[in-house]
């Protein structure tokens, strides 16, 4: 078993349970809320997250073979809790970025050091606007 897989296993069994509730409140971190593909059980996974335009990008230090990544891909999205708010995300897309030019410098140094080049990009789900009868916001008055 590789060192990355051993570290992932340790984090899943111990560290995530201890810091998992605090990390999503810190800048640059979040928690992915997803459902198991087979069990249907809900899970919460702490992640490192950053924005690139309209996309939320999650670094995958343990690779794209992690169960939570497979769950998100199978479901076509997830919810991300970050900075005290829950953001529904859709259209997950895996990619490899060896250069990591668009990643903030401090994060890039850490990710390069642990050879983490896999990422998951998702976009926020658009929430349809609910029309309220009698609501004429944005219309010119007569």
N, C-alpha and C. Protein backbone atom coordinates (compact mmCIF):
# COMPACT_ATOMS: atom_id res chain seq x y z
N UNK A 1 0.85 -1.18 0.00
CA UNK A 1 0.00 0.00 0.00
C UNK A 1 0.90 1.23 0.00
N UNK A 2 0.60 2.18 -0.90
CA UNK A 2 1.43 3.38 -1.03
C UNK A 2 1.26 4.28 0.20
N UNK A 3 2.21 5.18 0.37
CA UNK A 3 2.15 6.12 1.50
C UNK A 3 0.91 7.01 1.39
N UNK A 4 0.54 7.39 0.16
CA UNK A 4 -0.65 8.22 -0.02
C UNK A 4 -1.91 7.48 0.42
N UNK A 5 -2.02 6.21 0.06
CA UNK A 5 -3.19 5.43 0.45
C UNK A 5 -3.23 5.21 1.96
N UNK A 6 -2.06 5.00 2.57
CA UNK A 6 -2.01 4.84 4.04
C UNK A 6 -2.43 6.12 4.73
N UNK A 7 -1.95 7.26 4.22
CA UNK A 7 -2.32 8.55 4.79
C UNK A 7 -3.82 8.80 4.62
N UNK A 8 -4.36 8.46 3.45
CA UNK A 8 -5.79 8.62 3.20
C UNK A 8 -6.60 7.78 4.19
N UNK A 9 -6.15 6.57 4.41
CA UNK A 9 -6.86 5.66 5.33
C UNK A 9 -6.83 6.21 6.76
N UNK A 10 -5.66 6.69 7.19
CA UNK A 10 -5.53 7.28 8.52
C UNK A 10 -6.46 8.49 8.65
N UNK A 11 -6.43 9.37 7.65
CA UNK A 11 -7.29 10.56 7.70
C UNK A 11 -8.76 10.18 7.76
N UNK A 12 -9.17 9.21 6.96
CA UNK A 12 -10.57 8.80 6.93
C UNK A 12 -11.00 8.24 8.29
N UNK A 13 -10.13 7.47 8.91
CA UNK A 13 -10.52 6.79 10.15
C UNK A 13 -10.36 7.65 11.40
N UNK A 14 -9.41 8.59 11.38
CA UNK A 14 -9.14 9.35 12.60
C UNK A 14 -9.19 10.86 12.42
N UNK A 15 -8.30 11.39 11.62
CA UNK A 15 -8.14 12.85 11.54
C UNK A 15 -9.40 13.56 11.07
N UNK A 16 -10.08 13.03 10.04
CA UNK A 16 -11.29 13.69 9.52
C UNK A 16 -12.38 13.79 10.58
N UNK A 17 -12.44 12.83 11.46
CA UNK A 17 -13.47 12.86 12.51
C UNK A 17 -13.17 13.94 13.55
N UNK A 18 -11.90 14.23 13.74
CA UNK A 18 -11.51 15.23 14.74
C UNK A 18 -11.61 16.64 14.17
N UNK A 19 -11.01 16.88 13.01
CA UNK A 19 -10.98 18.23 12.44
C UNK A 19 -12.04 18.46 11.37
N UNK A 20 -12.78 17.43 11.03
CA UNK A 20 -13.75 17.50 9.95
C UNK A 20 -14.82 18.56 10.12
N UNK A 21 -15.17 18.90 11.32
CA UNK A 21 -16.21 19.90 11.56
C UNK A 21 -15.65 21.32 11.59
N UNK A 22 -14.36 21.46 11.84
CA UNK A 22 -13.74 22.78 11.93
C UNK A 22 -13.21 23.25 10.57
N UNK A 23 -12.61 22.36 9.83
CA UNK A 23 -11.96 22.72 8.57
C UNK A 23 -12.86 23.45 7.58
N UNK A 24 -14.13 23.05 7.38
CA UNK A 24 -14.94 23.75 6.39
C UNK A 24 -15.16 25.24 6.67
N UNK A 25 -14.90 25.67 7.89
CA UNK A 25 -15.07 27.08 8.24
C UNK A 25 -13.82 27.90 7.92
N UNK A 26 -12.71 27.25 7.66
CA UNK A 26 -11.46 27.95 7.38
C UNK A 26 -11.40 28.36 5.92
N UNK A 27 -10.81 29.52 5.62
CA UNK A 27 -10.67 29.94 4.23
C UNK A 27 -9.87 28.91 3.43
N UNK A 28 -10.35 28.59 2.24
CA UNK A 28 -9.65 27.66 1.37
C UNK A 28 -9.96 26.20 1.62
N UNK A 29 -10.83 25.93 2.57
CA UNK A 29 -11.20 24.56 2.87
C UNK A 29 -12.71 24.40 2.78
N UNK A 30 -13.15 23.16 2.75
CA UNK A 30 -14.58 22.89 2.69
C UNK A 30 -14.84 21.44 3.03
N UNK A 31 -16.11 21.07 2.97
CA UNK A 31 -16.50 19.68 3.17
C UNK A 31 -17.47 19.31 2.06
N UNK A 32 -17.14 18.23 1.37
CA UNK A 32 -18.00 17.72 0.31
C UNK A 32 -19.03 16.79 0.96
N UNK A 33 -20.29 17.07 0.72
CA UNK A 33 -21.39 16.22 1.19
C UNK A 33 -21.84 15.39 -0.01
N UNK A 34 -21.73 14.07 0.13
CA UNK A 34 -22.04 13.18 -0.98
C UNK A 34 -22.71 11.92 -0.46
N UNK A 35 -23.28 11.14 -1.37
CA UNK A 35 -24.00 9.93 -1.01
C UNK A 35 -23.26 8.73 -1.60
N UNK A 36 -23.14 7.65 -0.81
CA UNK A 36 -22.48 6.44 -1.27
C UNK A 36 -23.19 5.83 -2.47
N UNK A 37 -22.41 5.35 -3.42
CA UNK A 37 -22.98 4.77 -4.64
C UNK A 37 -23.77 3.50 -4.35
N UNK A 38 -23.28 2.68 -3.45
CA UNK A 38 -23.95 1.41 -3.15
C UNK A 38 -24.77 1.49 -1.87
N UNK A 39 -24.24 2.13 -0.86
CA UNK A 39 -24.91 2.14 0.44
C UNK A 39 -26.04 3.16 0.50
N UNK A 40 -25.92 4.24 -0.25
CA UNK A 40 -26.90 5.31 -0.17
C UNK A 40 -26.71 6.18 1.05
N UNK A 41 -25.70 5.86 1.84
CA UNK A 41 -25.40 6.61 3.07
C UNK A 41 -24.80 7.97 2.74
N UNK A 42 -25.09 8.96 3.57
CA UNK A 42 -24.51 10.29 3.37
C UNK A 42 -23.14 10.36 4.04
N UNK A 43 -22.21 11.02 3.35
CA UNK A 43 -20.85 11.18 3.84
C UNK A 43 -20.44 12.64 3.76
N UNK A 44 -19.44 12.99 4.56
CA UNK A 44 -18.84 14.34 4.55
C UNK A 44 -17.33 14.16 4.49
N UNK A 45 -16.71 14.77 3.49
CA UNK A 45 -15.26 14.64 3.31
C UNK A 45 -14.61 16.01 3.28
N UNK A 46 -13.67 16.29 4.20
CA UNK A 46 -12.96 17.57 4.17
C UNK A 46 -12.08 17.67 2.92
N UNK A 47 -12.05 18.85 2.31
CA UNK A 47 -11.29 19.06 1.08
C UNK A 47 -10.62 20.44 1.09
N UNK A 48 -9.61 20.56 0.25
CA UNK A 48 -8.98 21.85 -0.05
C UNK A 48 -9.67 22.36 -1.30
N UNK A 49 -10.20 23.57 -1.26
CA UNK A 49 -10.99 24.10 -2.36
C UNK A 49 -10.51 25.50 -2.72
N UNK A 50 -10.55 25.80 -4.01
CA UNK A 50 -10.28 27.17 -4.46
C UNK A 50 -11.12 27.46 -5.68
N UNK A 51 -11.26 28.74 -5.99
CA UNK A 51 -12.10 29.16 -7.11
C UNK A 51 -11.24 29.48 -8.32
N UNK A 52 -11.76 29.12 -9.48
CA UNK A 52 -11.19 29.49 -10.77
C UNK A 52 -12.34 29.96 -11.62
N UNK A 53 -12.55 31.28 -11.66
CA UNK A 53 -13.70 31.82 -12.37
C UNK A 53 -14.97 31.36 -11.70
N UNK A 54 -15.87 30.74 -12.48
CA UNK A 54 -17.14 30.26 -11.95
C UNK A 54 -17.02 28.87 -11.32
N UNK A 55 -15.88 28.24 -11.46
CA UNK A 55 -15.72 26.86 -11.00
C UNK A 55 -15.17 26.78 -9.58
N UNK A 56 -15.58 25.72 -8.89
CA UNK A 56 -14.94 25.33 -7.63
C UNK A 56 -14.01 24.19 -7.98
N UNK A 57 -12.76 24.30 -7.57
CA UNK A 57 -11.76 23.28 -7.87
C UNK A 57 -11.31 22.65 -6.56
N UNK A 58 -11.35 21.31 -6.53
CA UNK A 58 -10.95 20.55 -5.35
C UNK A 58 -9.67 19.80 -5.68
N UNK A 59 -8.67 19.92 -4.84
CA UNK A 59 -7.44 19.15 -5.06
C UNK A 59 -7.68 17.72 -4.58
N UNK A 60 -7.05 16.78 -5.26
CA UNK A 60 -7.21 15.36 -4.94
C UNK A 60 -5.84 14.79 -4.56
N UNK A 61 -5.36 15.07 -3.34
CA UNK A 61 -4.03 14.61 -2.94
C UNK A 61 -3.87 13.10 -2.90
N UNK A 62 -5.00 12.36 -2.80
CA UNK A 62 -4.93 10.91 -2.78
C UNK A 62 -5.32 10.32 -4.13
N UNK A 63 -5.48 11.16 -5.13
CA UNK A 63 -5.80 10.70 -6.47
C UNK A 63 -7.30 10.64 -6.73
N UNK A 64 -7.62 10.37 -7.97
CA UNK A 64 -9.02 10.35 -8.40
C UNK A 64 -9.71 9.02 -8.12
N UNK A 65 -8.99 8.08 -7.52
CA UNK A 65 -9.55 6.77 -7.24
C UNK A 65 -10.22 6.68 -5.87
N UNK A 66 -10.28 7.80 -5.16
CA UNK A 66 -10.92 7.82 -3.83
C UNK A 66 -12.41 7.57 -3.96
N UNK A 67 -12.98 6.89 -2.97
CA UNK A 67 -14.41 6.59 -3.01
C UNK A 67 -15.27 7.84 -3.12
N UNK A 68 -14.90 8.90 -2.38
CA UNK A 68 -15.75 10.08 -2.42
C UNK A 68 -15.77 10.71 -3.81
N UNK A 69 -14.65 10.64 -4.53
CA UNK A 69 -14.59 11.17 -5.90
C UNK A 69 -15.50 10.34 -6.80
N UNK A 70 -15.44 9.02 -6.66
CA UNK A 70 -16.31 8.15 -7.44
C UNK A 70 -17.78 8.42 -7.14
N UNK A 71 -18.11 8.69 -5.87
CA UNK A 71 -19.49 9.00 -5.50
C UNK A 71 -19.97 10.28 -6.17
N UNK A 72 -19.13 11.30 -6.15
CA UNK A 72 -19.50 12.59 -6.75
C UNK A 72 -19.68 12.44 -8.26
N UNK A 73 -18.76 11.71 -8.90
CA UNK A 73 -18.86 11.51 -10.35
C UNK A 73 -20.13 10.73 -10.70
N UNK A 74 -20.43 9.68 -9.94
CA UNK A 74 -21.61 8.86 -10.22
C UNK A 74 -22.90 9.65 -10.03
N UNK A 75 -22.92 10.53 -9.05
CA UNK A 75 -24.12 11.32 -8.76
C UNK A 75 -24.25 12.53 -9.67
N UNK A 76 -23.16 12.91 -10.32
CA UNK A 76 -23.20 14.10 -11.17
C UNK A 76 -23.09 15.39 -10.39
N UNK A 77 -22.66 15.30 -9.13
CA UNK A 77 -22.49 16.50 -8.32
C UNK A 77 -22.49 16.19 -6.84
N UNK A 78 -22.50 17.25 -6.04
CA UNK A 78 -22.45 17.13 -4.59
C UNK A 78 -22.82 18.50 -4.00
N UNK A 79 -22.81 18.58 -2.70
CA UNK A 79 -22.93 19.86 -2.02
C UNK A 79 -21.58 20.14 -1.37
N UNK A 80 -21.18 21.40 -1.40
CA UNK A 80 -19.93 21.81 -0.76
C UNK A 80 -20.26 22.80 0.33
N UNK A 81 -19.84 22.49 1.55
CA UNK A 81 -19.99 23.41 2.65
C UNK A 81 -18.67 24.16 2.79
N UNK A 82 -18.71 25.45 2.58
CA UNK A 82 -17.49 26.25 2.68
C UNK A 82 -17.84 27.63 3.20
N UNK A 83 -17.04 28.10 4.13
CA UNK A 83 -17.21 29.41 4.74
C UNK A 83 -18.63 29.63 5.27
N UNK A 84 -19.19 28.58 5.85
CA UNK A 84 -20.48 28.69 6.50
C UNK A 84 -21.69 28.61 5.59
N UNK A 85 -21.49 28.31 4.31
CA UNK A 85 -22.65 28.17 3.42
C UNK A 85 -22.53 26.91 2.59
N UNK A 86 -23.68 26.39 2.22
CA UNK A 86 -23.75 25.15 1.45
C UNK A 86 -24.02 25.50 0.00
N UNK A 87 -23.14 25.01 -0.89
CA UNK A 87 -23.23 25.33 -2.31
C UNK A 87 -23.48 24.03 -3.09
N UNK A 88 -24.62 23.91 -3.79
CA UNK A 88 -24.84 22.73 -4.62
C UNK A 88 -23.98 22.83 -5.89
N UNK A 89 -23.24 21.77 -6.17
CA UNK A 89 -22.33 21.76 -7.32
C UNK A 89 -22.71 20.63 -8.28
N UNK A 90 -22.51 20.87 -9.57
CA UNK A 90 -22.86 19.90 -10.61
C UNK A 90 -21.75 19.82 -11.65
N UNK A 91 -21.92 18.90 -12.57
CA UNK A 91 -21.01 18.70 -13.71
C UNK A 91 -19.55 18.50 -13.28
N UNK A 92 -19.31 17.48 -12.46
CA UNK A 92 -17.92 17.22 -12.04
C UNK A 92 -17.05 16.83 -13.22
N UNK A 93 -15.84 17.37 -13.23
CA UNK A 93 -14.89 17.07 -14.31
C UNK A 93 -13.52 16.84 -13.69
N UNK A 94 -12.98 15.65 -13.92
CA UNK A 94 -11.63 15.32 -13.45
C UNK A 94 -10.61 15.85 -14.44
N UNK A 95 -9.48 16.33 -13.94
CA UNK A 95 -8.39 16.69 -14.83
C UNK A 95 -7.06 16.59 -14.09
N UNK A 96 -6.00 16.46 -14.87
CA UNK A 96 -4.64 16.40 -14.34
C UNK A 96 -3.94 17.68 -14.76
N UNK A 97 -3.24 18.31 -13.82
CA UNK A 97 -2.53 19.55 -14.12
C UNK A 97 -1.14 19.45 -13.49
N UNK A 98 -0.18 19.01 -14.29
CA UNK A 98 1.19 18.87 -13.80
C UNK A 98 1.83 20.22 -13.51
N UNK A 99 1.47 21.25 -14.28
CA UNK A 99 2.04 22.59 -14.12
C UNK A 99 1.46 23.33 -12.92
N UNK A 100 0.16 23.20 -12.72
CA UNK A 100 -0.55 23.85 -11.62
C UNK A 100 -0.35 25.36 -11.61
N UNK A 101 -0.27 25.95 -12.80
CA UNK A 101 -0.02 27.39 -12.93
C UNK A 101 -1.14 28.25 -12.36
N UNK A 102 -2.38 27.77 -12.41
CA UNK A 102 -3.51 28.57 -11.93
C UNK A 102 -3.82 28.38 -10.46
N UNK A 103 -3.04 27.57 -9.78
CA UNK A 103 -3.27 27.29 -8.36
C UNK A 103 -2.47 28.30 -7.54
N UNK A 104 -3.07 28.82 -6.46
CA UNK A 104 -2.34 29.76 -5.61
C UNK A 104 -0.97 29.19 -5.20
N UNK A 105 0.04 30.06 -5.16
CA UNK A 105 1.44 29.66 -4.98
C UNK A 105 1.68 28.77 -3.76
N UNK A 106 1.14 29.14 -2.61
CA UNK A 106 1.39 28.36 -1.39
C UNK A 106 0.80 26.95 -1.52
N UNK A 107 -0.40 26.87 -2.03
CA UNK A 107 -1.05 25.57 -2.22
C UNK A 107 -0.28 24.75 -3.24
N UNK A 108 0.15 25.42 -4.32
CA UNK A 108 0.90 24.74 -5.39
C UNK A 108 2.15 24.08 -4.84
N UNK A 109 2.89 24.78 -3.97
CA UNK A 109 4.12 24.20 -3.41
C UNK A 109 3.85 22.92 -2.63
N UNK A 110 2.79 22.95 -1.84
CA UNK A 110 2.44 21.76 -1.03
C UNK A 110 2.02 20.62 -1.95
N UNK A 111 1.15 20.91 -2.92
CA UNK A 111 0.64 19.86 -3.80
C UNK A 111 1.75 19.26 -4.66
N UNK A 112 2.67 20.09 -5.14
CA UNK A 112 3.79 19.58 -5.93
C UNK A 112 4.68 18.70 -5.06
N UNK A 113 4.89 19.11 -3.83
CA UNK A 113 5.76 18.34 -2.91
C UNK A 113 5.20 16.93 -2.67
N UNK A 114 3.87 16.80 -2.61
CA UNK A 114 3.29 15.48 -2.38
C UNK A 114 2.84 14.82 -3.69
N UNK A 115 3.24 15.43 -4.80
CA UNK A 115 2.95 14.90 -6.14
C UNK A 115 1.44 14.75 -6.39
N UNK A 116 0.68 15.76 -5.97
CA UNK A 116 -0.78 15.76 -6.18
C UNK A 116 -1.08 16.59 -7.42
N UNK A 117 -1.43 15.91 -8.50
CA UNK A 117 -1.69 16.62 -9.76
C UNK A 117 -3.11 16.41 -10.26
N UNK A 118 -3.94 15.69 -9.50
CA UNK A 118 -5.33 15.44 -9.89
C UNK A 118 -6.25 16.46 -9.24
N UNK A 119 -7.25 16.90 -10.01
CA UNK A 119 -8.20 17.89 -9.53
C UNK A 119 -9.60 17.55 -10.00
N UNK A 120 -10.58 18.06 -9.28
CA UNK A 120 -11.98 17.89 -9.63
C UNK A 120 -12.59 19.28 -9.70
N UNK A 121 -13.12 19.64 -10.86
CA UNK A 121 -13.76 20.95 -11.04
C UNK A 121 -15.26 20.75 -11.15
N UNK A 122 -16.00 21.61 -10.47
CA UNK A 122 -17.46 21.57 -10.51
C UNK A 122 -17.99 23.00 -10.62
N UNK A 123 -19.18 23.14 -11.17
CA UNK A 123 -19.78 24.47 -11.25
C UNK A 123 -21.00 24.51 -10.34
N UNK A 124 -21.32 25.68 -9.82
CA UNK A 124 -22.52 25.81 -8.98
C UNK A 124 -23.77 25.53 -9.81
N UNK A 125 -24.71 24.82 -9.19
CA UNK A 125 -25.99 24.58 -9.85
C UNK A 125 -26.79 25.87 -9.82
N UNK A 126 -27.35 26.21 -10.95
CA UNK A 126 -28.17 27.42 -11.02
C UNK A 126 -29.51 27.15 -10.35
N UNK A 127 -29.87 28.01 -9.46
CA UNK A 127 -31.15 27.88 -8.78
C UNK A 127 -32.16 28.71 -9.57
N UNK A 128 -33.21 28.07 -10.07
CA UNK A 128 -34.18 28.82 -10.87
C UNK A 128 -34.87 29.90 -10.03
N UNK A 129 -35.09 31.04 -10.66
CA UNK A 129 -35.76 32.14 -9.98
C UNK A 129 -37.25 31.82 -9.90
N UNK A 130 -37.81 31.99 -8.74
CA UNK A 130 -39.23 31.73 -8.54
C UNK A 130 -39.98 33.03 -8.78
N UNK A 131 -40.91 32.98 -9.72
CA UNK A 131 -41.74 34.15 -10.02
C UNK A 131 -42.81 34.30 -8.95
N UNK A 132 -42.88 35.47 -8.40
CA UNK A 132 -43.88 35.75 -7.38
C UNK A 132 -44.95 36.62 -8.03
N UNK A 133 -46.23 36.21 -7.95
CA UNK A 133 -47.30 37.03 -8.54
C UNK A 133 -47.27 38.44 -7.97
N UNK A 134 -47.38 39.40 -8.86
CA UNK A 134 -47.38 40.80 -8.42
C UNK A 134 -45.98 41.37 -8.26
N UNK A 135 -44.94 40.54 -8.45
CA UNK A 135 -43.56 41.01 -8.35
C UNK A 135 -43.15 41.56 -9.69
N UNK A 136 -42.92 42.86 -9.75
CA UNK A 136 -42.57 43.52 -10.99
C UNK A 136 -41.15 44.06 -10.94
N UNK A 137 -40.30 43.42 -10.17
CA UNK A 137 -38.92 43.88 -10.03
C UNK A 137 -38.24 43.87 -11.40
N UNK A 138 -37.57 44.94 -11.68
CA UNK A 138 -36.84 45.04 -12.94
C UNK A 138 -37.67 45.51 -14.12
N UNK A 139 -38.99 45.72 -13.93
CA UNK A 139 -39.82 46.19 -15.02
C UNK A 139 -40.01 47.69 -14.89
N UNK A 140 -40.04 48.35 -16.03
CA UNK A 140 -40.24 49.81 -16.03
C UNK A 140 -41.68 50.12 -15.65
N UNK A 141 -41.86 51.17 -14.89
CA UNK A 141 -43.22 51.56 -14.53
C UNK A 141 -43.88 52.31 -15.66
N UNK A 142 -45.20 52.25 -15.71
CA UNK A 142 -45.93 52.87 -16.81
C UNK A 142 -46.26 54.29 -16.52
